[in-house]
Amino acid sequence: MANSWNPYWGESGYFRIGMGEGAIDAECIASPFDATYQLVSSVPPAPPPPPGPSQCDFIFNELACIVAPKCHWCSLGAPIPGFGICFDKSEDCPFQKAVA
């Protein structure tokens, strides 16, 4: 007899039972011979991974950051020239306005 759960249960979707056992005769239904089964997962998909580091995260030099096409330099406002952090242009400078 074919089960109603899926083809991965029992013997490739079938199970053995004798006629009259458990009143199975009264509970049987039929389906078309060309019926198919589509595996549907009840497990929700995993969340997307967090964004990885941008190219700007690896630039530690003000000039290199300024010339990088997708980066801008954020000065930390210290009296030391070049003291700052390189950010992706899509991110705001958290300290002050970007120099470049």
PDB file of N, CA and C in Angstrom:
ATOM      1  N   MET A   1       0.849  -1.164   0.000  1.00  0.00           N
ATOM      2  CA  MET A   1       0.000   0.000   0.000  1.00  0.00           C
ATOM      3  C   MET A   1       0.905   1.239   0.000  1.00  0.00           C
ATOM      4  N   ALA A   2       0.505   2.290  -0.698  1.00  0.00           N
ATOM      5  CA  ALA A   2       1.259   3.544  -0.718  1.00  0.00           C
ATOM      6  C   ALA A   2       0.863   4.378   0.496  1.00  0.00           C
ATOM      7  N   ASN A   3       1.849   5.042   1.100  1.00  0.00           N
ATOM      8  CA  ASN A   3       1.517   5.913   2.227  1.00  0.00           C
ATOM      9  C   ASN A   3       1.130   7.288   1.705  1.00  0.00           C
ATOM     10  N   SER A   4       0.568   8.118   2.558  1.00  0.00           N
ATOM     11  CA  SER A   4       0.139   9.449   2.133  1.00  0.00           C
ATOM     12  C   SER A   4       1.122  10.534   2.571  1.00  0.00           C
ATOM     13  N   TRP A   5       2.275  10.152   3.105  1.00  0.00           N
ATOM     14  CA  TRP A   5       3.229  11.153   3.587  1.00  0.00           C
ATOM     15  C   TRP A   5       4.209  11.555   2.497  1.00  0.00           C
ATOM     16  N   ASN A   6       5.019  10.639   2.047  1.00  0.00           N
ATOM     17  CA  ASN A   6       6.004  10.948   1.012  1.00  0.00           C
ATOM     18  C   ASN A   6       6.723   9.674   0.592  1.00  0.00           C
ATOM     19  N   PRO A   7       7.482   9.717  -0.485  1.00  0.00           N
ATOM     20  CA  PRO A   7       8.165   8.511  -0.958  1.00  0.00           C
ATOM     21  C   PRO A   7       9.403   8.163  -0.141  1.00  0.00           C
ATOM     22  N   TYR A   8       9.731   8.968   0.839  1.00  0.00           N
ATOM     23  CA  TYR A   8      10.929   8.715   1.645  1.00  0.00           C
ATOM     24  C   TYR A   8      10.611   7.920   2.907  1.00  0.00           C
ATOM     25  N   TRP A   9       9.347   7.638   3.141  1.00  0.00           N
ATOM     26  CA  TRP A   9       8.925   6.900   4.322  1.00  0.00           C
ATOM     27  C   TRP A   9       8.641   5.464   3.925  1.00  0.00           C
ATOM     28  N   GLY A  10       8.938   4.559   4.793  1.00  0.00           N
ATOM     29  CA  GLY A  10       8.642   3.147   4.533  1.00  0.00           C
ATOM     30  C   GLY A  10       9.549   2.568   3.456  1.00  0.00           C
ATOM     31  N   GLU A  11       8.984   1.754   2.604  1.00  0.00           N
ATOM     32  CA  GLU A  11       9.729   1.124   1.509  1.00  0.00           C
ATOM     33  C   GLU A  11       9.499   1.942   0.241  1.00  0.00           C
ATOM     34  N   SER A  12      10.252   3.030   0.108  1.00  0.00           N
ATOM     35  CA  SER A  12      10.115   3.955  -1.034  1.00  0.00           C
ATOM     36  C   SER A  12       8.687   4.477  -1.170  1.00  0.00           C
ATOM     37  N   GLY A  13       8.076   4.791  -0.059  1.00  0.00           N
ATOM     38  CA  GLY A  13       6.732   5.347  -0.074  1.00  0.00           C
ATOM     39  C   GLY A  13       5.618   4.321   0.052  1.00  0.00           C
ATOM     40  N   TYR A  14       5.966   3.070   0.220  1.00  0.00           N
ATOM     41  CA  TYR A  14       4.963   2.009   0.378  1.00  0.00           C
ATOM     42  C   TYR A  14       5.154   1.324   1.721  1.00  0.00           C
ATOM     43  N   PHE A  15       4.124   0.649   2.166  1.00  0.00           N
ATOM     44  CA  PHE A  15       4.248  -0.158   3.378  1.00  0.00           C
ATOM     45  C   PHE A  15       3.419  -1.422   3.210  1.00  0.00           C
ATOM     46  N   ARG A  16       3.751  -2.415   4.007  1.00  0.00           N
ATOM     47  CA  ARG A  16       3.062  -3.708   3.916  1.00  0.00           C
ATOM     48  C   ARG A  16       2.030  -3.820   5.038  1.00  0.00           C
ATOM     49  N   ILE A  17       0.840  -4.243   4.667  1.00  0.00           N
ATOM     50  CA  ILE A  17      -0.216  -4.470   5.638  1.00  0.00           C
ATOM     51  C   ILE A  17      -1.158  -5.526   5.056  1.00  0.00           C
ATOM     52  N   GLY A  18      -1.651  -6.374   5.906  1.00  0.00           N
ATOM     53  CA  GLY A  18      -2.562  -7.428   5.446  1.00  0.00           C
ATOM     54  C   GLY A  18      -3.967  -6.901   5.276  1.00  0.00           C
ATOM     55  N   MET A  19      -4.701  -7.485   4.341  1.00  0.00           N
ATOM     56  CA  MET A  19      -6.097  -7.104   4.125  1.00  0.00           C
ATOM     57  C   MET A  19      -6.883  -7.296   5.421  1.00  0.00           C
ATOM     58  N   GLY A  20      -7.664  -6.318   5.785  1.00  0.00           N
ATOM     59  CA  GLY A  20      -8.493  -6.398   6.973  1.00  0.00           C
ATOM     60  C   GLY A  20      -7.780  -5.960   8.241  1.00  0.00           C
ATOM     61  N   GLU A  21      -6.473  -5.784   8.210  1.00  0.00           N
ATOM     62  CA  GLU A  21      -5.748  -5.349   9.419  1.00  0.00           C
ATOM     63  C   GLU A  21      -6.055  -3.885   9.692  1.00  0.00           C
ATOM     64  N   GLY A  22      -6.434  -3.577  10.898  1.00  0.00           N
ATOM     65  CA  GLY A  22      -6.688  -2.201  11.314  1.00  0.00           C
ATOM     66  C   GLY A  22      -7.774  -1.522  10.494  1.00  0.00           C
ATOM     67  N   ALA A  23      -8.690  -2.270   9.939  1.00  0.00           N
ATOM     68  CA  ALA A  23      -9.785  -1.737   9.103  1.00  0.00           C
ATOM     69  C   ALA A  23      -9.236  -0.924   7.938  1.00  0.00           C
ATOM     70  N   ILE A  24      -8.064  -1.324   7.452  1.00  0.00           N
ATOM     71  CA  ILE A  24      -7.424  -0.593   6.366  1.00  0.00           C
ATOM     72  C   ILE A  24      -8.255  -0.615   5.089  1.00  0.00           C
ATOM     73  N   ASP A  25      -9.049  -1.647   4.895  1.00  0.00           N
ATOM     74  CA  ASP A  25      -9.871  -1.770   3.686  1.00  0.00           C
ATOM     75  C   ASP A  25     -10.843  -0.587   3.551  1.00  0.00           C
ATOM     76  N   ALA A  26     -11.358  -0.108   4.682  1.00  0.00           N
ATOM     77  CA  ALA A  26     -12.339   0.976   4.651  1.00  0.00           C
ATOM     78  C   ALA A  26     -11.684   2.348   4.504  1.00  0.00           C
ATOM     79  N   GLU A  27     -10.379   2.432   4.704  1.00  0.00           N
ATOM     80  CA  GLU A  27      -9.694   3.722   4.690  1.00  0.00           C
ATOM     81  C   GLU A  27      -8.924   4.008   3.407  1.00  0.00           C
ATOM     82  N   CYS A  28      -8.860   3.079   2.497  1.00  0.00           N
ATOM     83  CA  CYS A  28      -8.062   3.245   1.285  1.00  0.00           C
ATOM     84  C   CYS A  28      -8.707   4.217   0.314  1.00  0.00           C
ATOM     85  N   ILE A  29      -7.869   5.011  -0.344  1.00  0.00           N
ATOM     86  CA  ILE A  29      -8.311   5.882  -1.435  1.00  0.00           C
ATOM     87  C   ILE A  29      -7.342   5.683  -2.593  1.00  0.00           C
ATOM     88  N   ALA A  30      -7.694   6.157  -3.731  1.00  0.00           N
ATOM     89  CA  ALA A  30      -6.847   5.980  -4.914  1.00  0.00           C
ATOM     90  C   ALA A  30      -6.397   7.335  -5.445  1.00  0.00           C
ATOM     91  N   SER A  31      -5.373   7.294  -6.283  1.00  0.00           N
ATOM     92  CA  SER A  31      -4.894   8.490  -6.962  1.00  0.00           C
ATOM     93  C   SER A  31      -4.543   8.105  -8.392  1.00  0.00           C
ATOM     94  N   PRO A  32      -4.427   9.064  -9.280  1.00  0.00           N
ATOM     95  CA  PRO A  32      -4.080   8.746 -10.666  1.00  0.00           C
ATOM     96  C   PRO A  32      -2.720   8.057 -10.744  1.00  0.00           C
ATOM     97  N   PHE A  33      -2.546   7.208 -11.737  1.00  0.00           N
ATOM     98  CA  PHE A  33      -1.281   6.482 -11.864  1.00  0.00           C
ATOM     99  C   PHE A  33      -0.117   7.416 -12.148  1.00  0.00           C
ATOM    100  N   ASP A  34      -0.383   8.602 -12.698  1.00  0.00           N
ATOM    101  CA  ASP A  34       0.703   9.524 -13.025  1.00  0.00           C
ATOM    102  C   ASP A  34       0.874  10.635 -11.968  1.00  0.00           C
ATOM    103  N   ALA A  35       0.321  10.421 -10.786  1.00  0.00           N
ATOM    104  CA  ALA A  35       0.462  11.400  -9.709  1.00  0.00           C
ATOM    105  C   ALA A  35       1.943  11.529  -9.336  1.00  0.00           C
ATOM    106  N   THR A  36       2.350  12.718  -8.980  1.00  0.00           N
ATOM    107  CA  THR A  36       3.747  12.961  -8.583  1.00  0.00           C
ATOM    108  C   THR A  36       3.796  13.557  -7.190  1.00  0.00           C
ATOM    109  N   TYR A  37       4.965  13.507  -6.626  1.00  0.00           N
ATOM    110  CA  TYR A  37       5.191  14.049  -5.292  1.00  0.00           C
ATOM    111  C   TYR A  37       6.248  15.128  -5.388  1.00  0.00           C
ATOM    112  N   GLN A  38       6.001  16.256  -4.749  1.00  0.00           N
ATOM    113  CA  GLN A  38       6.983  17.331  -4.715  1.00  0.00           C
ATOM    114  C   GLN A  38       7.415  17.522  -3.271  1.00  0.00           C
ATOM    115  N   LEU A  39       8.710  17.366  -3.028  1.00  0.00           N
ATOM    116  CA  LEU A  39       9.244  17.521  -1.681  1.00  0.00           C
ATOM    117  C   LEU A  39       9.171  18.986  -1.278  1.00  0.00           C
ATOM    118  N   VAL A  40       8.470  19.261  -0.190  1.00  0.00           N
ATOM    119  CA  VAL A  40       8.345  20.613   0.328  1.00  0.00           C
ATOM    120  C   VAL A  40       8.942  20.617   1.719  1.00  0.00           C
ATOM    121  N   SER A  41       9.913  21.460   1.905  1.00  0.00           N
ATOM    122  CA  SER A  41      10.586  21.520   3.201  1.00  0.00           C
ATOM    123  C   SER A  41       9.784  22.385   4.165  1.00  0.00           C
ATOM    124  N   SER A  42       9.641  21.915   5.386  1.00  0.00           N
ATOM    125  CA  SER A  42       8.972  22.714   6.409  1.00  0.00           C
ATOM    126  C   SER A  42       9.982  23.554   7.184  1.00  0.00           C
ATOM    127  N   VAL A  43      11.252  23.404   6.843  1.00  0.00           N
ATOM    128  CA  VAL A  43      12.301  24.167   7.508  1.00  0.00           C
ATOM    129  C   VAL A  43      12.477  25.476   6.752  1.00  0.00           C
ATOM    130  N   PRO A  44      12.390  26.618   7.432  1.00  0.00           N
ATOM    131  CA  PRO A  44      12.556  27.894   6.734  1.00  0.00           C
ATOM    132  C   PRO A  44      13.994  28.030   6.229  1.00  0.00           C
ATOM    133  N   PRO A  45      14.181  28.778   5.153  1.00  0.00           N
ATOM    134  CA  PRO A  45      15.540  28.950   4.637  1.00  0.00           C
ATOM    135  C   PRO A  45      16.407  29.706   5.642  1.00  0.00           C
ATOM    136  N   ALA A  46      17.675  29.435   5.587  1.00  0.00           N
ATOM    137  CA  ALA A  46      18.619  30.107   6.488  1.00  0.00           C
ATOM    138  C   ALA A  46      18.694  31.588   6.130  1.00  0.00           C
ATOM    139  N   PRO A  47      18.908  32.444   7.123  1.00  0.00           N
ATOM    140  CA  PRO A  47      19.029  33.873   6.814  1.00  0.00           C
ATOM    141  C   PRO A  47      20.290  34.121   5.992  1.00  0.00           C
ATOM    142  N   PRO A  48      20.297  35.179   5.205  1.00  0.00           N
ATOM    143  CA  PRO A  48      21.490  35.460   4.410  1.00  0.00           C
ATOM    144  C   PRO A  48      22.662  35.804   5.325  1.00  0.00           C
ATOM    145  N   PRO A  49      23.862  35.529   4.877  1.00  0.00           N
ATOM    146  CA  PRO A  49      25.013  35.842   5.715  1.00  0.00           C
ATOM    147  C   PRO A  49      25.172  37.349   5.863  1.00  0.00           C
ATOM    148  N   PRO A  50      25.792  37.791   6.953  1.00  0.00           N
ATOM    149  CA  PRO A  50      26.000  39.234   7.111  1.00  0.00           C
ATOM    150  C   PRO A  50      26.933  39.735   6.022  1.00  0.00           C
ATOM    151  N   PRO A  51      26.836  41.011   5.697  1.00  0.00           N
ATOM    152  CA  PRO A  51      27.713  41.524   4.646  1.00  0.00           C
ATOM    153  C   PRO A  51      29.171  41.379   5.048  1.00  0.00           C
ATOM    154  N   GLY A  52      29.972  41.040   4.095  1.00  0.00           N
ATOM    155  CA  GLY A  52      31.408  40.886   4.339  1.00  0.00           C
ATOM    156  C   GLY A  52      32.092  42.232   4.330  1.00  0.00           C
ATOM    157  N   PRO A  53      33.368  42.222   4.607  1.00  0.00           N
ATOM    158  CA  PRO A  53      34.103  43.486   4.612  1.00  0.00           C
ATOM    159  C   PRO A  53      34.164  44.079   3.201  1.00  0.00           C
ATOM    160  N   SER A  54      34.131  45.410   3.127  1.00  0.00           N
ATOM    161  CA  SER A  54      34.255  46.062   1.825  1.00  0.00           C
ATOM    162  C   SER A  54      35.735  46.255   1.531  1.00  0.00           C
ATOM    163  N   GLN A  55      36.030  46.657   0.306  1.00  0.00           N
ATOM    164  CA  GLN A  55      37.428  46.898  -0.059  1.00  0.00           C
ATOM    165  C   GLN A  55      38.028  48.014   0.790  1.00  0.00           C
ATOM    166  N   CYS A  56      37.190  48.920   1.273  1.00  0.00           N
ATOM    167  CA  CYS A  56      37.679  50.054   2.057  1.00  0.00           C
ATOM    168  C   CYS A  56      38.172  49.630   3.441  1.00  0.00           C
ATOM    169  N   ASP A  57      37.679  48.518   3.936  1.00  0.00           N
ATOM    170  CA  ASP A  57      38.084  48.064   5.265  1.00  0.00           C
ATOM    171  C   ASP A  57      39.556  47.696   5.329  1.00  0.00           C
ATOM    172  N   PHE A  58      40.174  47.502   4.182  1.00  0.00           N
ATOM    173  CA  PHE A  58      41.573  47.079   4.163  1.00  0.00           C
ATOM    174  C   PHE A  58      42.508  48.206   3.720  1.00  0.00           C
ATOM    175  N   ILE A  59      41.998  49.427   3.639  1.00  0.00           N
ATOM    176  CA  ILE A  59      42.825  50.582   3.267  1.00  0.00           C
ATOM    177  C   ILE A  59      43.089  51.387   4.530  1.00  0.00           C
ATOM    178  N   PHE A  60      44.370  51.564   4.830  1.00  0.00           N
ATOM    179  CA  PHE A  60      44.743  52.255   6.072  1.00  0.00           C
ATOM    180  C   PHE A  60      45.479  53.552   5.795  1.00  0.00           C
ATOM    181  N   ASN A  61      45.492  53.995   4.547  1.00  0.00           N
ATOM    182  CA  ASN A  61      46.230  55.174   4.123  1.00  0.00           C
ATOM    183  C   ASN A  61      45.237  56.168   3.525  1.00  0.00           C
ATOM    184  N   GLU A  62      45.316  57.432   3.939  1.00  0.00           N
ATOM    185  CA  GLU A  62      44.354  58.438   3.486  1.00  0.00           C
ATOM    186  C   GLU A  62      44.369  58.605   1.968  1.00  0.00           C
ATOM    187  N   LEU A  63      45.534  58.727   1.371  1.00  0.00           N
ATOM    188  CA  LEU A  63      45.619  58.932  -0.073  1.00  0.00           C
ATOM    189  C   LEU A  63      45.056  57.726  -0.828  1.00  0.00           C
ATOM    190  N   ALA A  64      45.403  56.529  -0.387  1.00  0.00           N
ATOM    191  CA  ALA A  64      44.893  55.322  -1.039  1.00  0.00           C
ATOM    192  C   ALA A  64      43.368  55.252  -0.922  1.00  0.00           C
ATOM    193  N   CYS A  65      42.837  55.704   0.187  1.00  0.00           N
ATOM    194  CA  CYS A  65      41.383  55.693   0.390  1.00  0.00           C
ATOM    195  C   CYS A  65      40.711  56.702  -0.535  1.00  0.00           C
ATOM    196  N   ILE A  66      41.287  57.878  -0.653  1.00  0.00           N
ATOM    197  CA  ILE A  66      40.694  58.935  -1.467  1.00  0.00           C
ATOM    198  C   ILE A  66      40.649  58.545  -2.945  1.00  0.00           C
ATOM    199  N   VAL A  67      41.674  57.857  -3.420  1.00  0.00           N
ATOM    200  CA  VAL A  67      41.700  57.489  -4.836  1.00  0.00           C
ATOM    201  C   VAL A  67      40.920  56.202  -5.118  1.00  0.00           C
ATOM    202  N   ALA A  68      40.564  55.457  -4.103  1.00  0.00           N
ATOM    203  CA  ALA A  68      39.762  54.240  -4.310  1.00  0.00           C
ATOM    204  C   ALA A  68      38.363  54.659  -4.767  1.00  0.00           C
ATOM    205  N   PRO A  69      37.832  54.053  -5.831  1.00  0.00           N
ATOM    206  CA  PRO A  69      36.564  54.526  -6.407  1.00  0.00           C
ATOM    207  C   PRO A  69      35.336  54.411  -5.505  1.00  0.00           C
ATOM    208  N   LYS A  70      35.324  53.491  -4.564  1.00  0.00           N
ATOM    209  CA  LYS A  70      34.119  53.294  -3.753  1.00  0.00           C
ATOM    210  C   LYS A  70      34.320  53.691  -2.291  1.00  0.00           C
ATOM    211  N   CYS A  71      35.399  54.436  -2.007  1.00  0.00           N
ATOM    212  CA  CYS A  71      35.732  54.745  -0.613  1.00  0.00           C
ATOM    213  C   CYS A  71      35.807  56.243  -0.367  1.00  0.00           C
ATOM    214  N   HIS A  72      35.684  56.616   0.893  1.00  0.00           N
ATOM    215  CA  HIS A  72      35.920  58.002   1.311  1.00  0.00           C
ATOM    216  C   HIS A  72      36.594  57.984   2.682  1.00  0.00           C
ATOM    217  N   TRP A  73      37.404  59.005   2.947  1.00  0.00           N
ATOM    218  CA  TRP A  73      38.199  59.093   4.162  1.00  0.00           C
ATOM    219  C   TRP A  73      37.447  59.898   5.204  1.00  0.00           C
ATOM    220  N   CYS A  74      37.380  59.385   6.405  1.00  0.00           N
ATOM    221  CA  CYS A  74      36.770  60.091   7.521  1.00  0.00           C
ATOM    222  C   CYS A  74      37.869  60.443   8.517  1.00  0.00           C
ATOM    223  N   SER A  75      38.144  61.719   8.628  1.00  0.00           N
ATOM    224  CA  SER A  75      39.164  62.185   9.558  1.00  0.00           C
ATOM    225  C   SER A  75      38.629  62.096  10.980  1.00  0.00           C
ATOM    226  N   LEU A  76      39.517  61.685  11.873  1.00  0.00           N
ATOM    227  CA  LEU A  76      39.111  61.592  13.277  1.00  0.00           C
ATOM    228  C   LEU A  76      39.270  62.926  13.989  1.00  0.00           C
ATOM    229  N   GLY A  77      39.729  63.924  13.256  1.00  0.00           N
ATOM    230  CA  GLY A  77      39.829  65.257  13.820  1.00  0.00           C
ATOM    231  C   GLY A  77      41.031  65.462  14.719  1.00  0.00           C
ATOM    232  N   ALA A  78      41.946  64.537  14.721  1.00  0.00           N
ATOM    233  CA  ALA A  78      43.149  64.669  15.541  1.00  0.00           C
ATOM    234  C   ALA A  78      44.139  65.594  14.831  1.00  0.00           C
ATOM    235  N   PRO A  79      45.058  66.159  15.569  1.00  0.00           N
ATOM    236  CA  PRO A  79      46.047  67.040  14.944  1.00  0.00           C
ATOM    237  C   PRO A  79      47.049  66.291  14.058  1.00  0.00           C
ATOM    238  N   ILE A  80      46.979  64.993  14.038  1.00  0.00           N
ATOM    239  CA  ILE A  80      47.906  64.208  13.234  1.00  0.00           C
ATOM    240  C   ILE A  80      47.319  64.041  11.837  1.00  0.00           C
ATOM    241  N   PRO A  81      47.997  64.524  10.789  1.00  0.00           N
ATOM    242  CA  PRO A  81      47.476  64.361   9.430  1.00  0.00           C
ATOM    243  C   PRO A  81      47.342  62.866   9.080  1.00  0.00           C
ATOM    244  N   GLY A  82      46.283  62.558   8.367  1.00  0.00           N
ATOM    245  CA  GLY A  82      46.078  61.187   7.937  1.00  0.00           C
ATOM    246  C   GLY A  82      45.507  60.274   9.008  1.00  0.00           C
ATOM    247  N   PHE A  83      45.110  60.844  10.148  1.00  0.00           N
ATOM    248  CA  PHE A  83      44.562  60.043  11.229  1.00  0.00           C
ATOM    249  C   PHE A  83      43.054  59.924  11.005  1.00  0.00           C
ATOM    250  N   GLY A  84      42.610  58.778  10.519  1.00  0.00           N
ATOM    251  CA  GLY A  84      41.201  58.587  10.232  1.00  0.00           C
ATOM    252  C   GLY A  84      40.918  57.151   9.819  1.00  0.00           C
ATOM    253  N   ILE A  85      39.756  56.940   9.244  1.00  0.00           N
ATOM    254  CA  ILE A  85      39.319  55.611   8.842  1.00  0.00           C
ATOM    255  C   ILE A  85      38.726  55.697   7.439  1.00  0.00           C
ATOM    256  N   CYS A  86      39.004  54.709   6.627  1.00  0.00           N
ATOM    257  CA  CYS A  86      38.471  54.622   5.280  1.00  0.00           C
ATOM    258  C   CYS A  86      37.127  53.888   5.325  1.00  0.00           C
ATOM    259  N   PHE A  87      36.087  54.517   4.777  1.00  0.00           N
ATOM    260  CA  PHE A  87      34.745  53.937   4.764  1.00  0.00           C
ATOM    261  C   PHE A  87      34.257  53.755   3.341  1.00  0.00           C
ATOM    262  N   ASP A  88      33.316  52.844   3.167  1.00  0.00           N
ATOM    263  CA  ASP A  88      32.629  52.672   1.901  1.00  0.00           C
ATOM    264  C   ASP A  88      31.774  53.915   1.677  1.00  0.00           C
ATOM    265  N   LYS A  89      31.638  54.371   0.422  1.00  0.00           N
ATOM    266  CA  LYS A  89      30.858  55.582   0.136  1.00  0.00           C
ATOM    267  C   LYS A  89      29.386  55.447   0.509  1.00  0.00           C
ATOM    268  N   SER A  90      28.905  54.231   0.621  1.00  0.00           N
ATOM    269  CA  SER A  90      27.506  54.046   1.019  1.00  0.00           C
ATOM    270  C   SER A  90      27.307  54.267   2.517  1.00  0.00           C
ATOM    271  N   GLU A  91      28.395  54.368   3.267  1.00  0.00           N
ATOM    272  CA  GLU A  91      28.316  54.582   4.723  1.00  0.00           C
ATOM    273  C   GLU A  91      28.621  56.031   5.047  1.00  0.00           C
ATOM    274  N   ASP A  92      27.884  56.581   6.000  1.00  0.00           N
ATOM    275  CA  ASP A  92      28.174  57.935   6.458  1.00  0.00           C
ATOM    276  C   ASP A  92      29.386  57.918   7.371  1.00  0.00           C
ATOM    277  N   CYS A  93      30.073  59.041   7.379  1.00  0.00           N
ATOM    278  CA  CYS A  93      31.208  59.192   8.290  1.00  0.00           C
ATOM    279  C   CYS A  93      30.630  59.441   9.690  1.00  0.00           C
ATOM    280  N   PRO A  94      30.894  58.547  10.642  1.00  0.00           N
ATOM    281  CA  PRO A  94      30.290  58.711  11.963  1.00  0.00           C
ATOM    282  C   PRO A  94      30.923  59.830  12.789  1.00  0.00           C
ATOM    283  N   PHE A  95      32.058  60.352  12.357  1.00  0.00           N
ATOM    284  CA  PHE A  95      32.767  61.341  13.170  1.00  0.00           C
ATOM    285  C   PHE A  95      32.476  62.767  12.703  1.00  0.00           C
ATOM    286  N   GLN A  96      32.566  62.997  11.422  1.00  0.00           N
ATOM    287  CA  GLN A  96      32.328  64.318  10.829  1.00  0.00           C
ATOM    288  C   GLN A  96      32.190  64.148   9.336  1.00  0.00           C
ATOM    289  N   LYS A  97      32.114  65.234   8.630  1.00  0.00           N
ATOM    290  CA  LYS A  97      31.994  65.130   7.180  1.00  0.00           C
ATOM    291  C   LYS A  97      33.260  64.521   6.596  1.00  0.00           C
ATOM    292  N   ALA A  98      33.090  63.745   5.548  1.00  0.00           N
ATOM    293  CA  ALA A  98      34.228  63.100   4.888  1.00  0.00           C
ATOM    294  C   ALA A  98      35.103  64.167   4.239  1.00  0.00           C
ATOM    295  N   VAL A  99      36.382  63.915   4.230  1.00  0.00           N
ATOM    296  CA  VAL A  99      37.334  64.831   3.627  1.00  0.00           C
ATOM    297  C   VAL A  99      37.266  64.728   2.108  1.00  0.00           C
ATOM    298  N   ALA A 100      37.049  63.522   1.609  1.00  0.00           N
ATOM    299  CA  ALA A 100      37.038  63.357   0.137  1.00  0.00           C
ATOM    300  C   ALA A 100      35.653  62.975  -0.331  1.00  0.00           C
TER     301      ALA A 100
END
